[in-house]
PDB file of N, CA and C in Angstrom:
ATOM      1  N   MET A   1     149.592 135.162 152.435  1.00  0.00           N
ATOM      2  CA  MET A   1     148.232 135.100 152.698  1.00  0.00           C
ATOM      3  C   MET A   1     147.017 136.221 153.044  1.00  0.00           C
ATOM      4  N   THR A   2     146.654 136.641 152.280  1.00  0.00           N
ATOM      5  CA  THR A   2     146.208 137.836 153.209  1.00  0.00           C
ATOM      6  C   THR A   2     144.905 137.239 154.308  1.00  0.00           C
ATOM      7  N   THR A   3     144.374 138.534 154.775  1.00  0.00           N
ATOM      8  CA  THR A   3     143.472 137.934 156.027  1.00  0.00           C
ATOM      9  C   THR A   3     142.931 139.474 155.890  1.00  0.00           C
ATOM     10  N   SER A   4     141.436 139.118 156.160  1.00  0.00           N
ATOM     11  CA  SER A   4     140.713 140.111 155.970  1.00  0.00           C
ATOM     12  C   SER A   4     140.500 140.555 157.282  1.00  0.00           C
ATOM     13  N   PRO A   5     139.719 142.113 158.215  1.00  0.00           N
ATOM     14  CA  PRO A   5     139.285 142.080 159.426  1.00  0.00           C
ATOM     15  C   PRO A   5     138.248 141.177 159.539  1.00  0.00           C
ATOM     16  N   PRO A   6     138.513 141.186 160.691  1.00  0.00           N
ATOM     17  CA  PRO A   6     137.348 139.744 161.824  1.00  0.00           C
ATOM     18  C   PRO A   6     135.879 140.667 161.808  1.00  0.00           C
ATOM     19  N   SER A   7     135.203 139.754 160.829  1.00  0.00           N
ATOM     20  CA  SER A   7     133.784 140.314 161.083  1.00  0.00           C
ATOM     21  C   SER A   7     133.235 140.598 162.448  1.00  0.00           C
ATOM     22  N   ARG A   8     131.961 141.588 162.688  1.00  0.00           N
ATOM     23  CA  ARG A   8     131.897 141.763 164.023  1.00  0.00           C
ATOM     24  C   ARG A   8     130.905 140.946 163.886  1.00  0.00           C
ATOM     25  N   ALA A   9     130.121 139.621 164.823  1.00  0.00           N
ATOM     26  CA  ALA A   9     129.246 138.859 164.242  1.00  0.00           C
ATOM     27  C   ALA A   9     127.955 140.073 165.063  1.00  0.00           C
ATOM     28  N   LYS A  10     126.597 139.978 164.710  1.00  0.00           N
ATOM     29  CA  LYS A  10     125.772 140.595 164.468  1.00  0.00           C
ATOM     30  C   LYS A  10     125.208 140.442 166.359  1.00  0.00           C
ATOM     31  N   ARG A  11     124.960 141.060 167.664  1.00  0.00           N
ATOM     32  CA  ARG A  11     124.655 140.871 168.304  1.00  0.00           C
ATOM     33  C   ARG A  11     123.204 141.723 168.583  1.00  0.00           C
ATOM     34  N   PRO A  12     122.490 140.471 169.288  1.00  0.00           N
ATOM     35  CA  PRO A  12     121.143 141.654 169.242  1.00  0.00           C
ATOM     36  C   PRO A  12     121.242 142.546 170.208  1.00  0.00           C
ATOM     37  N   SER A  13     121.015 143.851 170.172  1.00  0.00           N
ATOM     38  CA  SER A  13     120.522 144.929 170.871  1.00  0.00           C
ATOM     39  C   SER A  13     119.874 144.870 171.569  1.00  0.00           C
ATOM     40  N   LEU A  14     120.216 145.273 173.010  1.00  0.00           N
ATOM     41  CA  LEU A  14     119.658 145.137 174.563  1.00  0.00           C
ATOM     42  C   LEU A  14     118.733 146.785 174.155  1.00  0.00           C
ATOM     43  N   LYS A  15     118.449 147.555 173.271  1.00  0.00           N
ATOM     44  CA  LYS A  15     117.954 148.657 172.978  1.00  0.00           C
ATOM     45  C   LYS A  15     116.744 148.718 172.012  1.00  0.00           C
ATOM     46  N   SER A  16     115.842 148.550 172.752  1.00  0.00           N
ATOM     47  CA  SER A  16     114.705 148.246 171.733  1.00  0.00           C
ATOM     48  C   SER A  16     113.827 149.625 171.464  1.00  0.00           C
ATOM     49  N   GLN A  17     114.338 150.889 172.244  1.00  0.00           N
ATOM     50  CA  GLN A  17     113.351 152.301 172.265  1.00  0.00           C
ATOM     51  C   GLN A  17     113.830 152.885 170.947  1.00  0.00           C
ATOM     52  N   ARG A  18     112.787 153.870 170.573  1.00  0.00           N
ATOM     53  CA  ARG A  18     113.447 154.908 169.349  1.00  0.00           C
ATOM     54  C   ARG A  18     113.353 156.119 170.723  1.00  0.00           C
ATOM     55  N   LEU A  19     113.889 157.130 170.392  1.00  0.00           N
ATOM     56  CA  LEU A  19     113.441 158.951 170.776  1.00  0.00           C
ATOM     57  C   LEU A  19     114.066 159.522 169.027  1.00  0.00           C
ATOM     58  N   MET A  20     113.206 160.060 169.087  1.00  0.00           N
ATOM     59  CA  MET A  20     113.715 161.270 167.779  1.00  0.00           C
ATOM     60  C   MET A  20     113.137 162.699 168.129  1.00  0.00           C
ATOM     61  N   ALA A  21     114.026 163.503 167.499  1.00  0.00           N
ATOM     62  CA  ALA A  21     114.136 164.733 168.141  1.00  0.00           C
ATOM     63  C   ALA A  21     114.311 165.531 166.340  1.00  0.00           C
ATOM     64  N   ARG A  22     113.726 166.851 166.286  1.00  0.00           N
ATOM     65  CA  ARG A  22     113.753 167.633 165.865  1.00  0.00           C
ATOM     66  C   ARG A  22     114.708 169.099 166.575  1.00  0.00           C
ATOM     67  N   VAL A  23     115.923 169.181 165.233  1.00  0.00           N
ATOM     68  CA  VAL A  23     116.519 170.388 165.858  1.00  0.00           C
ATOM     69  C   VAL A  23     117.071 171.087 165.146  1.00  0.00           C
ATOM     70  N   THR A  24     117.240 172.656 165.436  1.00  0.00           N
ATOM     71  CA  THR A  24     117.843 173.459 164.506  1.00  0.00           C
ATOM     72  C   THR A  24     119.342 172.865 164.076  1.00  0.00           C
ATOM     73  N   ASN A  25     119.565 173.586 162.387  1.00  0.00           N
ATOM     74  CA  ASN A  25     121.203 173.671 162.055  1.00  0.00           C
ATOM     75  C   ASN A  25     122.075 173.733 163.114  1.00  0.00           C
ATOM     76  N   GLU A  26     122.137 175.056 163.929  1.00  0.00           N
ATOM     77  CA  GLU A  26     122.658 175.035 164.842  1.00  0.00           C
ATOM     78  C   GLU A  26     122.874 174.513 165.856  1.00  0.00           C
ATOM     79  N   GLN A  27     121.731 173.422 166.531  1.00  0.00           N
ATOM     80  CA  GLN A  27     121.688 172.350 167.107  1.00  0.00           C
ATOM     81  C   GLN A  27     122.807 171.068 167.203  1.00  0.00           C
ATOM     82  N   LYS A  28     122.369 170.732 166.003  1.00  0.00           N
ATOM     83  CA  LYS A  28     122.949 169.891 165.136  1.00  0.00           C
ATOM     84  C   LYS A  28     124.352 170.149 165.069  1.00  0.00           C
ATOM     85  N   ARG A  29     125.101 171.102 164.809  1.00  0.00           N
ATOM     86  CA  ARG A  29     126.173 171.427 164.478  1.00  0.00           C
ATOM     87  C   ARG A  29     127.165 171.387 165.705  1.00  0.00           C
ATOM     88  N   LEU A  30     126.384 172.276 167.177  1.00  0.00           N
ATOM     89  CA  LEU A  30     126.658 171.888 168.527  1.00  0.00           C
ATOM     90  C   LEU A  30     126.850 170.820 168.669  1.00  0.00           C
ATOM     91  N   LEU A  31     126.140 169.735 168.797  1.00  0.00           N
ATOM     92  CA  LEU A  31     125.875 168.436 169.157  1.00  0.00           C
ATOM     93  C   LEU A  31     126.927 167.644 168.842  1.00  0.00           C
ATOM     94  N   GLN A  32     126.525 167.630 166.953  1.00  0.00           N
ATOM     95  CA  GLN A  32     128.229 166.828 166.563  1.00  0.00           C
ATOM     96  C   GLN A  32     129.468 167.365 166.916  1.00  0.00           C
ATOM     97  N   ARG A  33     129.542 168.585 167.068  1.00  0.00           N
ATOM     98  CA  ARG A  33     130.738 169.211 167.804  1.00  0.00           C
ATOM     99  C   ARG A  33     131.412 168.326 169.058  1.00  0.00           C
ATOM    100  N   GLY A  34     130.359 168.542 169.950  1.00  0.00           N
ATOM    101  CA  GLY A  34     130.502 167.809 170.582  1.00  0.00           C
ATOM    102  C   GLY A  34     131.184 166.213 170.759  1.00  0.00           C
ATOM    103  N   ALA A  35     129.897 165.647 170.382  1.00  0.00           N
ATOM    104  CA  ALA A  35     130.546 164.334 170.012  1.00  0.00           C
ATOM    105  C   ALA A  35     131.736 164.041 169.564  1.00  0.00           C
ATOM    106  N   GLU A  36     132.355 164.808 168.592  1.00  0.00           N
ATOM    107  CA  GLU A  36     133.249 164.984 168.174  1.00  0.00           C
ATOM    108  C   GLU A  36     134.527 164.393 169.062  1.00  0.00           C
ATOM    109  N   ILE A  37     133.814 165.409 169.849  1.00  0.00           N
ATOM    110  CA  ILE A  37     135.574 165.820 171.155  1.00  0.00           C
ATOM    111  C   ILE A  37     135.332 165.030 171.810  1.00  0.00           C
ATOM    112  N   ARG A  38     134.246 164.260 172.239  1.00  0.00           N
ATOM    113  CA  ARG A  38     134.284 162.895 173.208  1.00  0.00           C
ATOM    114  C   ARG A  38     134.321 162.062 172.118  1.00  0.00           C
ATOM    115  N   GLY A  39     135.083 161.968 170.817  1.00  0.00           N
ATOM    116  CA  GLY A  39     135.045 160.611 170.389  1.00  0.00           C
ATOM    117  C   GLY A  39     133.792 159.533 170.047  1.00  0.00           C
ATOM    118  N   GLN A  40     132.714 160.469 170.200  1.00  0.00           N
ATOM    119  CA  GLN A  40     131.709 159.572 170.067  1.00  0.00           C
ATOM    120  C   GLN A  40     131.044 160.102 168.713  1.00  0.00           C
ATOM    121  N   THR A  41     129.654 158.697 168.357  1.00  0.00           N
ATOM    122  CA  THR A  41     128.362 159.184 167.691  1.00  0.00           C
ATOM    123  C   THR A  41     127.308 160.142 167.896  1.00  0.00           C
ATOM    124  N   LEU A  42     127.240 161.079 167.357  1.00  0.00           N
ATOM    125  CA  LEU A  42     126.143 161.738 167.619  1.00  0.00           C
ATOM    126  C   LEU A  42     125.319 160.935 168.787  1.00  0.00           C
ATOM    127  N   THR A  43     124.309 159.801 167.967  1.00  0.00           N
ATOM    128  CA  THR A  43     123.385 159.351 169.334  1.00  0.00           C
ATOM    129  C   THR A  43     124.151 158.817 170.337  1.00  0.00           C
ATOM    130  N   GLU A  44     125.408 158.654 170.032  1.00  0.00           N
ATOM    131  CA  GLU A  44     125.989 158.398 172.252  1.00  0.00           C
ATOM    132  C   GLU A  44     125.978 159.284 172.456  1.00  0.00           C
ATOM    133  N   PHE A  45     126.533 160.250 172.336  1.00  0.00           N
ATOM    134  CA  PHE A  45     126.361 161.447 172.872  1.00  0.00           C
ATOM    135  C   PHE A  45     125.332 162.474 172.954  1.00  0.00           C
ATOM    136  N   VAL A  46     124.227 162.488 172.419  1.00  0.00           N
ATOM    137  CA  VAL A  46     122.938 162.530 172.963  1.00  0.00           C
ATOM    138  C   VAL A  46     122.326 161.799 173.598  1.00  0.00           C
ATOM    139  N   VAL A  47     122.749 160.957 173.467  1.00  0.00           N
ATOM    140  CA  VAL A  47     121.901 159.790 174.835  1.00  0.00           C
ATOM    141  C   VAL A  47     122.494 160.022 175.835  1.00  0.00           C
ATOM    142  N   ALA A  48     123.598 160.234 175.949  1.00  0.00           N
ATOM    143  CA  ALA A  48     124.345 160.535 177.064  1.00  0.00           C
ATOM    144  C   ALA A  48     124.041 161.784 177.940  1.00  0.00           C
ATOM    145  N   ALA A  49     124.159 162.366 176.972  1.00  0.00           N
ATOM    146  CA  ALA A  49     123.697 163.771 177.754  1.00  0.00           C
ATOM    147  C   ALA A  49     122.512 164.208 178.014  1.00  0.00           C
ATOM    148  N   ALA A  50     121.169 163.281 177.574  1.00  0.00           N
ATOM    149  CA  ALA A  50     120.132 163.208 177.941  1.00  0.00           C
ATOM    150  C   ALA A  50     120.236 162.715 179.293  1.00  0.00           C
ATOM    151  N   GLN A  51     120.712 161.615 179.333  1.00  0.00           N
ATOM    152  CA  GLN A  51     120.684 160.776 180.211  1.00  0.00           C
ATOM    153  C   GLN A  51     121.101 161.395 181.455  1.00  0.00           C
ATOM    154  N   ASP A  52     122.036 162.166 181.574  1.00  0.00           N
ATOM    155  CA  ASP A  52     123.257 162.747 182.587  1.00  0.00           C
ATOM    156  C   ASP A  52     121.690 163.849 183.001  1.00  0.00           C
ATOM    157  N   ALA A  53     121.756 164.685 182.327  1.00  0.00           N
ATOM    158  CA  ALA A  53     120.269 166.039 182.890  1.00  0.00           C
ATOM    159  C   ALA A  53     118.968 165.167 183.314  1.00  0.00           C
ATOM    160  N   ALA A  54     118.860 164.288 183.053  1.00  0.00           N
ATOM    161  CA  ALA A  54     117.451 163.213 183.577  1.00  0.00           C
ATOM    162  C   ALA A  54     117.965 163.152 185.155  1.00  0.00           C
ATOM    163  N   THR A  55     118.890 162.306 185.422  1.00  0.00           N
ATOM    164  CA  THR A  55     119.345 162.285 186.263  1.00  0.00           C
ATOM    165  C   THR A  55     119.481 163.000 187.258  1.00  0.00           C
ATOM    166  N   ARG A  56     120.218 164.451 186.878  1.00  0.00           N
ATOM    167  CA  ARG A  56     120.333 165.736 187.710  1.00  0.00           C
ATOM    168  C   ARG A  56     119.341 166.288 187.889  1.00  0.00           C
ATOM    169  N   ALA A  57     117.795 166.071 187.395  1.00  0.00           N
ATOM    170  CA  ALA A  57     116.896 166.986 187.021  1.00  0.00           C
ATOM    171  C   ALA A  57     116.415 165.983 188.539  1.00  0.00           C
ATOM    172  N   ILE A  58     116.155 165.013 188.667  1.00  0.00           N
ATOM    173  CA  ILE A  58     115.525 164.158 189.378  1.00  0.00           C
ATOM    174  C   ILE A  58     116.428 163.971 191.120  1.00  0.00           C
ATOM    175  N   VAL A  59     117.659 164.172 190.735  1.00  0.00           N
ATOM    176  CA  VAL A  59     118.736 164.574 191.861  1.00  0.00           C
ATOM    177  C   VAL A  59     117.467 165.475 192.590  1.00  0.00           C
ATOM    178  N   ASP A  60     117.741 166.968 191.925  1.00  0.00           N
ATOM    179  CA  ASP A  60     117.826 168.311 191.997  1.00  0.00           C
ATOM    180  C   ASP A  60     116.261 167.603 192.759  1.00  0.00           C
ATOM    181  N   GLN A  61     115.324 167.455 192.390  1.00  0.00           N
ATOM    182  CA  GLN A  61     113.574 167.007 192.454  1.00  0.00           C
ATOM    183  C   GLN A  61     113.668 165.812 194.102  1.00  0.00           C
ATOM    184  N   GLU A  62     114.528 165.137 194.494  1.00  0.00           N
ATOM    185  CA  GLU A  62     114.549 164.174 195.310  1.00  0.00           C
ATOM    186  C   GLU A  62     115.175 164.167 196.181  1.00  0.00           C
ATOM    187  N   VAL A  63     116.469 164.363 196.060  1.00  0.00           N
ATOM    188  CA  VAL A  63     117.859 164.740 196.945  1.00  0.00           C
ATOM    189  C   VAL A  63     117.574 166.329 198.101  1.00  0.00           C
ATOM    190  N   ILE A  64     118.151 166.152 199.242  1.00  0.00           N
ATOM    191  CA  ILE A  64     118.030 167.307 200.316  1.00  0.00           C
ATOM    192  C   ILE A  64     119.588 167.076 200.607  1.00  0.00           C
ATOM    193  N   GLU A  65     119.888 168.505 200.183  1.00  0.00           N
ATOM    194  CA  GLU A  65     121.328 168.355 200.706  1.00  0.00           C
ATOM    195  C   GLU A  65     121.173 169.553 201.484  1.00  0.00           C
ATOM    196  N   LEU A  66     122.015 169.367 203.078  1.00  0.00           N
ATOM    197  CA  LEU A  66     121.987 170.311 204.270  1.00  0.00           C
ATOM    198  C   LEU A  66     123.353 170.243 204.511  1.00  0.00           C
ATOM    199  N   GLY A  67     123.290 171.848 204.979  1.00  0.00           N
ATOM    200  CA  GLY A  67     124.504 171.845 205.660  1.00  0.00           C
ATOM    201  C   GLY A  67     124.964 171.433 206.622  1.00  0.00           C
ATOM    202  N   LEU A  68     126.154 171.707 207.031  1.00  0.00           N
ATOM    203  CA  LEU A  68     126.631 170.536 208.614  1.00  0.00           C
ATOM    204  C   LEU A  68     125.246 171.513 210.114  1.00  0.00           C
ATOM    205  N   ARG A  69     125.411 172.549 209.545  1.00  0.00           N
ATOM    206  CA  ARG A  69     123.896 173.031 210.928  1.00  0.00           C
ATOM    207  C   ARG A  69     123.068 172.573 210.820  1.00  0.00           C
ATOM    208  N   ASP A  70     122.279 172.428 209.519  1.00  0.00           N
ATOM    209  CA  ASP A  70     120.953 171.720 209.613  1.00  0.00           C
ATOM    210  C   ASP A  70     120.951 170.186 209.471  1.00  0.00           C
ATOM    211  N   SER A  71     121.962 169.536 209.176  1.00  0.00           N
ATOM    212  CA  SER A  71     122.185 168.531 209.113  1.00  0.00           C
ATOM    213  C   SER A  71     122.360 168.060 211.478  1.00  0.00           C
ATOM    214  N   GLN A  72     122.624 169.129 211.685  1.00  0.00           N
ATOM    215  CA  GLN A  72     122.648 168.755 212.874  1.00  0.00           C
ATOM    216  C   GLN A  72     121.243 168.465 213.578  1.00  0.00           C
ATOM    217  N   ALA A  73     120.868 170.346 213.188  1.00  0.00           N
ATOM    218  CA  ALA A  73     119.410 169.832 213.807  1.00  0.00           C
ATOM    219  C   ALA A  73     118.829 169.058 213.648  1.00  0.00           C
ATOM    220  N   PHE A  74     118.790 168.665 212.270  1.00  0.00           N
ATOM    221  CA  PHE A  74     117.309 167.637 211.539  1.00  0.00           C
ATOM    222  C   PHE A  74     117.770 166.161 212.811  1.00  0.00           C
ATOM    223  N   ALA A  75     119.011 165.567 212.912  1.00  0.00           N
ATOM    224  CA  ALA A  75     119.556 164.894 213.702  1.00  0.00           C
ATOM    225  C   ALA A  75     119.118 164.827 215.285  1.00  0.00           C
ATOM    226  N   GLU A  76     119.417 166.171 215.563  1.00  0.00           N
ATOM    227  CA  GLU A  76     118.737 166.079 216.854  1.00  0.00           C
ATOM    228  C   GLU A  76     117.518 166.173 217.102  1.00  0.00           C
ATOM    229  N   GLY A  77     116.440 166.910 216.110  1.00  0.00           N
ATOM    230  CA  GLY A  77     115.095 166.377 216.206  1.00  0.00           C
ATOM    231  C   GLY A  77     114.737 165.067 215.879  1.00  0.00           C
ATOM    232  N   MET A  78     115.620 164.153 215.020  1.00  0.00           N
ATOM    233  CA  MET A  78     115.388 162.991 215.215  1.00  0.00           C
ATOM    234  C   MET A  78     115.542 162.126 216.243  1.00  0.00           C
ATOM    235  N   LEU A  79     117.007 162.251 216.737  1.00  0.00           N
ATOM    236  CA  LEU A  79     116.832 161.460 218.228  1.00  0.00           C
ATOM    237  C   LEU A  79     116.434 161.695 219.200  1.00  0.00           C
ATOM    238  N   ALA A  80     116.085 163.205 219.570  1.00  0.00           N
ATOM    239  CA  ALA A  80     115.396 163.595 220.483  1.00  0.00           C
ATOM    240  C   ALA A  80     113.913 164.768 220.461  1.00  0.00           C
ATOM    241  N   PRO A  81     113.386 163.924 219.407  1.00  0.00           N
ATOM    242  CA  PRO A  81     111.521 164.917 219.154  1.00  0.00           C
ATOM    243  C   PRO A  81     111.185 165.460 220.371  1.00  0.00           C
ATOM    244  N   PRO A  82     110.459 166.679 219.873  1.00  0.00           N
ATOM    245  CA  PRO A  82     110.073 167.503 220.883  1.00  0.00           C
ATOM    246  C   PRO A  82     108.852 166.212 221.773  1.00  0.00           C
ATOM    247  N   THR A  83     108.131 167.130 222.234  1.00  0.00           N
ATOM    248  CA  THR A  83     106.829 166.342 223.207  1.00  0.00           C
ATOM    249  C   THR A  83     106.051 166.830 222.272  1.00  0.00           C
ATOM    250  N   VAL A  84     104.786 166.131 222.011  1.00  0.00           N
ATOM    251  CA  VAL A  84     103.595 166.681 221.714  1.00  0.00           C
ATOM    252  C   VAL A  84     103.009 167.141 222.587  1.00  0.00           C
ATOM    253  N   ASN A  85     102.294 168.477 222.093  1.00  0.00           N
ATOM    254  CA  ASN A  85     101.431 169.389 222.869  1.00  0.00           C
ATOM    255  C   ASN A  85     100.335 169.275 222.424  1.00  0.00           C
ATOM    256  N   ALA A  86      99.785 170.652 222.967  1.00  0.00           N
ATOM    257  CA  ALA A  86      98.141 170.634 222.509  1.00  0.00           C
ATOM    258  C   ALA A  86      98.371 171.193 221.341  1.00  0.00           C
ATOM    259  N   ARG A  87      98.973 171.931 220.977  1.00  0.00           N
ATOM    260  CA  ARG A  87      99.239 172.612 219.776  1.00  0.00           C
ATOM    261  C   ARG A  87      99.505 171.507 218.522  1.00  0.00           C
ATOM    262  N   LEU A  88     100.302 171.168 219.429  1.00  0.00           N
ATOM    263  CA  LEU A  88     100.842 169.906 217.915  1.00  0.00           C
ATOM    264  C   LEU A  88      99.630 169.238 217.531  1.00  0.00           C
ATOM    265  N   ARG A  89      99.007 168.484 218.679  1.00  0.00           N
ATOM    266  CA  ARG A  89      97.658 167.929 218.225  1.00  0.00           C
ATOM    267  C   ARG A  89      97.061 168.713 217.453  1.00  0.00           C
ATOM    268  N   ALA A  90      96.400 169.860 217.588  1.00  0.00           N
ATOM    269  CA  ALA A  90      95.716 170.801 217.050  1.00  0.00           C
ATOM    270  C   ALA A  90      96.288 170.842 215.575  1.00  0.00           C
ATOM    271  N   ALA A  91      97.153 170.827 215.143  1.00  0.00           N
ATOM    272  CA  ALA A  91      97.898 170.974 214.051  1.00  0.00           C
ATOM    273  C   ALA A  91      97.477 169.570 213.237  1.00  0.00           C
ATOM    274  N   ALA A  92      97.443 168.898 213.809  1.00  0.00           N
ATOM    275  CA  ALA A  92      97.565 167.121 213.310  1.00  0.00           C
ATOM    276  C   ALA A  92      96.118 167.277 213.366  1.00  0.00           C
ATOM    277  N   ARG A  93      95.100 167.457 214.094  1.00  0.00           N
ATOM    278  CA  ARG A  93      93.543 167.324 213.407  1.00  0.00           C
ATOM    279  C   ARG A  93      93.317 167.947 212.337  1.00  0.00           C
ATOM    280  N   ARG A  94      93.827 169.747 212.250  1.00  0.00           N
ATOM    281  CA  ARG A  94      93.479 170.013 210.752  1.00  0.00           C
ATOM    282  C   ARG A  94      93.945 169.840 209.797  1.00  0.00           C
ATOM    283  N   TYR A  95      95.700 169.188 209.606  1.00  0.00           N
ATOM    284  CA  TYR A  95      95.837 168.316 208.652  1.00  0.00           C
ATOM    285  C   TYR A  95      94.510 167.304 208.447  1.00  0.00           C
ATOM    286  N   LYS A  96      94.657 166.280 209.491  1.00  0.00           N
ATOM    287  CA  LYS A  96      93.771 165.195 209.094  1.00  0.00           C
ATOM    288  C   LYS A  96      92.313 165.993 208.504  1.00  0.00           C
ATOM    289  N   LYS A  97      92.070 166.851 208.442  1.00  0.00           N
ATOM    290  CA  LYS A  97      90.590 167.069 208.112  1.00  0.00           C
ATOM    291  C   LYS A  97      90.677 167.700 207.160  1.00  0.00           C
ATOM    292  N   ALA A  98      91.959 168.509 206.902  1.00  0.00           N
ATOM    293  CA  ALA A  98      92.090 169.423 205.359  1.00  0.00           C
ATOM    294  C   ALA A  98      92.003 168.271 204.552  1.00  0.00           C
ATOM    295  N   THR A  99      93.352 167.229 204.818  1.00  0.00           N
ATOM    296  CA  THR A  99      92.958 166.113 203.854  1.00  0.00           C
ATOM    297  C   THR A  99      92.080 164.895 204.008  1.00  0.00           C
ATOM    298  N   ALA A 100      91.440 164.809 204.736  1.00  0.00           N
ATOM    299  CA  ALA A 100      90.210 163.943 204.646  1.00  0.00           C
ATOM    300  C   ALA A 100      90.810 162.484 205.159  1.00  0.00           C
ATOM    301  N   LEU A 101      91.544 162.169 206.216  1.00  0.00           N
ATOM    302  CA  LEU A 101      92.116 161.185 206.570  1.00  0.00           C
ATOM    303  C   LEU A 101      92.025 160.794 207.437  1.00  0.00           C
TER     304      LEU A 101
END
């Protein structure tokens, strides 16, 4: 009795969007080599690399990393903010006027 390999049942894909890009021959060879090293298809490799790059760009834009001294100064300012003085009130009025709030 011979057995055939189990057939993969077609599953509906959760992926519904298509992304296309034109690349040079050198870029395609580089991407293909990276994919082969990682044991991925070219598509898997490119999508994973693009996702990593997008995540890093967002983190770079939205996350502020402070050193120890700056973290301590920030915490102290939050826990014991300076008193509101005339200069701060004047700055707030200028800001409201400039932003039309």
